N, C-alpha and C. Protein backbone atom coordinates (compact mmCIF):
# COMPACT_ATOMS: atom_id res chain seq x y z
N UNK A 1 0.70 -1.13 -0.04
CA UNK A 1 -0.07 -0.02 0.07
C UNK A 1 0.96 1.31 -0.02
N UNK A 2 0.73 2.19 -0.91
CA UNK A 2 1.55 3.30 -1.04
C UNK A 2 0.68 4.56 -0.60
N UNK A 3 1.35 5.37 0.07
CA UNK A 3 0.81 6.78 0.49
C UNK A 3 1.60 7.76 -0.30
N UNK A 4 0.92 8.74 -0.56
CA UNK A 4 1.51 9.83 -1.30
C UNK A 4 1.34 11.17 -0.40
N UNK A 5 2.16 12.11 -0.66
CA UNK A 5 2.18 13.41 0.10
C UNK A 5 2.91 13.15 1.37
N UNK A 6 2.22 13.44 2.49
CA UNK A 6 2.93 13.52 3.88
C UNK A 6 3.02 11.91 4.49
N UNK A 7 2.38 10.97 3.71
CA UNK A 7 2.37 9.66 4.22
C UNK A 7 3.55 8.93 4.04
N UNK A 8 3.54 7.71 4.20
CA UNK A 8 4.61 6.72 3.97
C UNK A 8 5.00 6.45 2.68
N UNK A 9 6.23 6.47 2.16
CA UNK A 9 6.54 6.07 0.62
C UNK A 9 7.12 4.71 0.67
N UNK A 10 7.51 4.25 -0.47
CA UNK A 10 8.20 2.98 -0.56
C UNK A 10 9.46 2.76 0.23
N UNK A 11 10.07 3.74 0.45
CA UNK A 11 11.32 3.54 1.28
C UNK A 11 10.90 3.39 2.73
N UNK A 12 9.96 4.06 3.12
CA UNK A 12 9.39 3.92 4.68
C UNK A 12 8.87 2.37 4.78
N UNK A 13 8.30 1.77 3.81
CA UNK A 13 7.62 0.46 3.83
C UNK A 13 8.88 -0.44 4.01
N UNK A 14 10.05 -0.11 3.04
CA UNK A 14 11.10 -1.12 3.12
C UNK A 14 11.79 -1.00 4.40
N UNK A 15 12.06 0.02 5.09
CA UNK A 15 12.68 0.12 6.39
C UNK A 15 11.84 -0.53 7.40
N UNK A 16 10.49 -0.39 7.36
CA UNK A 16 9.62 -1.02 8.33
C UNK A 16 9.83 -2.57 8.26
N UNK A 17 9.84 -3.15 7.00
CA UNK A 17 9.97 -4.53 6.85
C UNK A 17 11.36 -5.00 7.43
N UNK A 18 12.39 -4.29 7.05
CA UNK A 18 13.71 -4.65 7.49
C UNK A 18 13.86 -4.55 8.98
N UNK A 19 13.27 -3.56 9.60
CA UNK A 19 13.15 -3.42 10.94
C UNK A 19 12.43 -4.60 11.69
N UNK A 20 11.37 -4.95 11.01
CA UNK A 20 10.58 -6.10 11.52
C UNK A 20 11.39 -7.52 11.51
N UNK A 21 12.07 -7.62 10.40
CA UNK A 21 12.97 -8.78 10.15
C UNK A 21 14.00 -8.97 11.22
N UNK A 22 14.67 -7.63 11.48
CA UNK A 22 15.74 -7.70 12.51
C UNK A 22 15.19 -7.96 13.91
N UNK A 23 13.98 -7.45 14.19
CA UNK A 23 13.45 -7.68 15.45
C UNK A 23 13.23 -9.25 15.61
N UNK A 24 12.51 -10.07 14.75
CA UNK A 24 12.42 -11.33 14.86
C UNK A 24 13.65 -12.19 14.80
N UNK A 25 14.65 -11.74 14.11
CA UNK A 25 16.03 -12.40 14.04
C UNK A 25 16.62 -12.30 15.40
N UNK A 26 16.42 -11.18 16.20
CA UNK A 26 17.06 -10.95 17.44
C UNK A 26 16.20 -11.93 18.36
N UNK A 27 15.03 -11.88 18.34
CA UNK A 27 14.14 -12.77 19.16
C UNK A 27 14.50 -14.28 19.04
N UNK A 28 14.60 -14.70 17.80
CA UNK A 28 15.05 -16.01 17.61
C UNK A 28 16.47 -16.41 18.05
N UNK A 29 17.33 -15.42 17.93
CA UNK A 29 18.72 -15.66 18.21
C UNK A 29 18.80 -15.74 19.91
N UNK A 30 18.01 -14.92 20.43
CA UNK A 30 17.93 -14.98 21.86
C UNK A 30 17.33 -16.14 22.47
N UNK A 31 16.37 -16.79 21.74
CA UNK A 31 15.88 -18.07 22.27
C UNK A 31 16.92 -19.24 22.06
N UNK A 32 17.47 -19.24 20.93
CA UNK A 32 18.62 -20.29 20.61
C UNK A 32 19.75 -20.15 21.56
N UNK A 33 20.13 -18.98 21.97
CA UNK A 33 21.16 -18.72 22.89
C UNK A 33 20.72 -19.22 24.19
N UNK A 34 19.57 -19.07 24.58
CA UNK A 34 19.00 -19.49 25.98
C UNK A 34 18.89 -20.96 26.00
N UNK A 35 18.46 -21.61 24.93
CA UNK A 35 18.53 -23.16 24.95
C UNK A 35 19.85 -23.68 25.00
N UNK A 36 20.90 -23.07 24.20
CA UNK A 36 22.17 -23.65 24.25
C UNK A 36 22.85 -23.50 25.58
N UNK A 37 22.66 -22.32 26.25
CA UNK A 37 23.16 -22.12 27.55
C UNK A 37 22.60 -22.96 28.72
N UNK A 38 21.19 -23.40 28.60
CA UNK A 38 20.63 -24.29 29.48
C UNK A 38 21.12 -25.63 29.24
N UNK A 39 21.39 -25.98 27.96
CA UNK A 39 21.82 -27.46 27.79
C UNK A 39 23.18 -27.40 28.25
N UNK A 40 24.10 -26.48 28.14
CA UNK A 40 25.40 -26.50 28.44
C UNK A 40 25.53 -26.78 30.07
N UNK A 41 24.67 -25.96 30.77
CA UNK A 41 24.65 -26.28 32.28
C UNK A 41 24.14 -27.70 32.69
N UNK A 42 23.19 -28.25 31.91
CA UNK A 42 22.72 -29.49 32.17
C UNK A 42 23.62 -30.52 31.92
N UNK A 43 24.60 -30.32 30.78
CA UNK A 43 25.59 -31.25 30.53
C UNK A 43 26.74 -31.29 31.59
N UNK A 44 26.99 -30.14 31.94
CA UNK A 44 27.92 -29.88 33.04
C UNK A 44 27.59 -30.59 34.30
N UNK A 45 26.32 -30.51 34.63
CA UNK A 45 25.71 -31.20 35.80
C UNK A 45 25.75 -32.72 35.70
N UNK A 46 25.48 -33.11 34.49
CA UNK A 46 25.48 -34.69 34.30
C UNK A 46 26.96 -35.09 34.40
N UNK A 47 27.94 -34.31 34.05
CA UNK A 47 29.33 -34.72 34.04
C UNK A 47 29.86 -34.95 35.50
N UNK A 48 29.21 -34.07 36.34
CA UNK A 48 29.51 -34.01 37.77
C UNK A 48 29.00 -35.27 38.36
N UNK A 49 27.68 -35.55 37.98
CA UNK A 49 26.98 -36.68 38.69
C UNK A 49 27.71 -38.05 38.12
N UNK A 50 28.25 -38.05 37.01
CA UNK A 50 28.80 -39.29 36.41
C UNK A 50 30.26 -39.30 36.49
N UNK A 51 30.76 -38.83 37.61
CA UNK A 51 32.27 -38.75 37.80
C UNK A 51 32.75 -40.16 37.86
N UNK A 52 33.81 -40.56 37.28
CA UNK A 52 34.36 -42.02 37.33
C UNK A 52 34.69 -42.48 38.73
N UNK A 53 34.26 -43.73 39.00
CA UNK A 53 34.68 -44.22 40.24
C UNK A 53 36.13 -44.87 40.10
N UNK A 54 36.71 -45.06 41.08
CA UNK A 54 38.02 -45.69 41.12
C UNK A 54 38.14 -46.97 40.30
N UNK A 55 37.14 -47.82 40.41
CA UNK A 55 37.14 -49.17 39.78
C UNK A 55 37.06 -48.98 38.16
N UNK A 56 36.35 -47.90 37.79
CA UNK A 56 36.36 -47.59 36.39
C UNK A 56 37.54 -47.10 35.75
N UNK A 57 38.19 -46.21 36.69
CA UNK A 57 39.43 -45.68 36.28
C UNK A 57 40.52 -46.71 36.10
N UNK A 58 40.52 -47.67 37.12
CA UNK A 58 41.38 -48.80 37.08
C UNK A 58 41.07 -49.62 35.89
N UNK A 59 39.82 -49.90 35.56
CA UNK A 59 39.66 -50.67 34.39
C UNK A 59 40.15 -50.06 33.13
N UNK A 60 39.97 -48.79 33.03
CA UNK A 60 40.51 -47.96 31.80
C UNK A 60 42.02 -48.10 31.65
N UNK A 61 42.68 -48.06 32.90
CA UNK A 61 44.18 -48.19 32.84
C UNK A 61 44.57 -49.50 32.29
N UNK A 62 43.81 -50.53 32.70
CA UNK A 62 44.07 -51.93 32.43
C UNK A 62 43.77 -52.21 30.84
N UNK A 63 42.78 -51.41 30.40
CA UNK A 63 42.39 -51.54 28.95
C UNK A 63 43.42 -50.81 28.20
N UNK A 64 44.02 -49.81 28.67
CA UNK A 64 44.98 -49.07 27.82
C UNK A 64 46.37 -49.78 27.73
N UNK A 65 46.46 -50.69 28.68
CA UNK A 65 47.72 -51.53 28.85
C UNK A 65 48.75 -50.97 29.86
N UNK A 66 48.27 -49.93 30.56
CA UNK A 66 49.15 -49.26 31.53
C UNK A 66 49.54 -50.18 32.66
N UNK A 67 48.70 -51.05 32.99
CA UNK A 67 49.08 -52.11 34.11
C UNK A 67 48.75 -53.43 33.59
N UNK A 68 49.22 -54.45 34.10
CA UNK A 68 49.06 -55.78 33.70
C UNK A 68 47.87 -56.37 34.53
N UNK A 69 47.58 -57.67 34.19
CA UNK A 69 46.43 -58.21 34.83
C UNK A 69 46.65 -58.55 36.47
N UNK A 70 47.90 -58.90 36.63
CA UNK A 70 48.15 -59.10 38.22
C UNK A 70 48.05 -57.98 38.92
N UNK A 71 48.50 -56.85 38.36
CA UNK A 71 48.36 -55.58 39.18
C UNK A 71 47.05 -55.06 39.17
N UNK A 72 46.25 -55.26 38.05
CA UNK A 72 44.79 -54.80 38.02
C UNK A 72 44.08 -55.60 39.17
N UNK A 73 44.24 -56.95 39.18
CA UNK A 73 43.38 -57.82 40.03
C UNK A 73 43.87 -57.40 41.55
N UNK A 74 45.09 -57.16 41.75
CA UNK A 74 45.59 -56.70 43.19
C UNK A 74 44.99 -55.34 43.51
N UNK A 75 44.96 -54.47 42.67
CA UNK A 75 44.54 -53.19 43.00
C UNK A 75 42.90 -53.19 43.15
N UNK A 76 42.23 -54.03 42.29
CA UNK A 76 40.90 -54.12 42.33
C UNK A 76 40.36 -54.71 43.76
N UNK A 77 41.22 -55.67 44.11
CA UNK A 77 40.89 -56.35 45.38
C UNK A 77 41.12 -55.28 46.62
N UNK A 78 42.00 -54.43 46.63
CA UNK A 78 42.16 -53.42 47.51
C UNK A 78 41.01 -52.52 47.43
N UNK A 79 40.57 -52.11 46.32
CA UNK A 79 39.38 -51.05 46.14
C UNK A 79 38.14 -51.75 46.64
N UNK A 80 38.03 -53.07 46.45
CA UNK A 80 36.64 -53.74 46.89
C UNK A 80 36.64 -54.02 48.27
N UNK A 81 37.69 -53.91 49.11
CA UNK A 81 37.61 -54.16 50.54
C UNK A 81 36.69 -53.17 51.18
N UNK A 82 36.02 -53.68 52.10
CA UNK A 82 35.05 -52.71 52.87
C UNK A 82 35.82 -52.02 54.06
N UNK A 83 36.81 -52.51 54.56
CA UNK A 83 37.49 -51.93 55.64
C UNK A 83 38.76 -51.09 55.10
N UNK A 84 38.77 -49.95 55.46
CA UNK A 84 40.00 -49.10 54.93
C UNK A 84 41.36 -49.76 55.40
N UNK A 85 42.25 -49.55 54.65
CA UNK A 85 43.68 -50.14 55.02
C UNK A 85 44.49 -48.98 55.60
N UNK A 86 44.85 -49.16 56.82
CA UNK A 86 45.74 -48.02 57.36
C UNK A 86 47.13 -48.59 57.44
N UNK A 87 48.03 -47.90 56.90
CA UNK A 87 49.45 -48.18 56.81
C UNK A 87 50.15 -47.26 57.88
N UNK A 88 51.10 -47.90 58.61
CA UNK A 88 51.80 -47.13 59.55
C UNK A 88 53.04 -46.54 58.75
N UNK A 89 53.05 -45.24 59.13
CA UNK A 89 54.23 -44.54 58.41
C UNK A 89 55.55 -44.76 58.91
N UNK A 90 56.63 -45.00 58.07
CA UNK A 90 57.91 -45.10 58.72
C UNK A 90 58.63 -46.39 58.67
């Protein structure tokens, strides 16, 4: 719709359309940023809850070949004991 005289011309309509598109682009970018920020916090929380237990770390070392089967079994047995081992220093 074109207005003549003191009304809005073609340039004004173009600026209004561009302004509207920029507004919606900013709204959508804000929503995307909020979703990404929320997911990142959730993933960080999951990583804390799923911290590796000593047995899992020991199994990973065995799988990599850092330790042999005998050492793996010995250390696993120590980790599986229910009573803590107290060593006297000195």
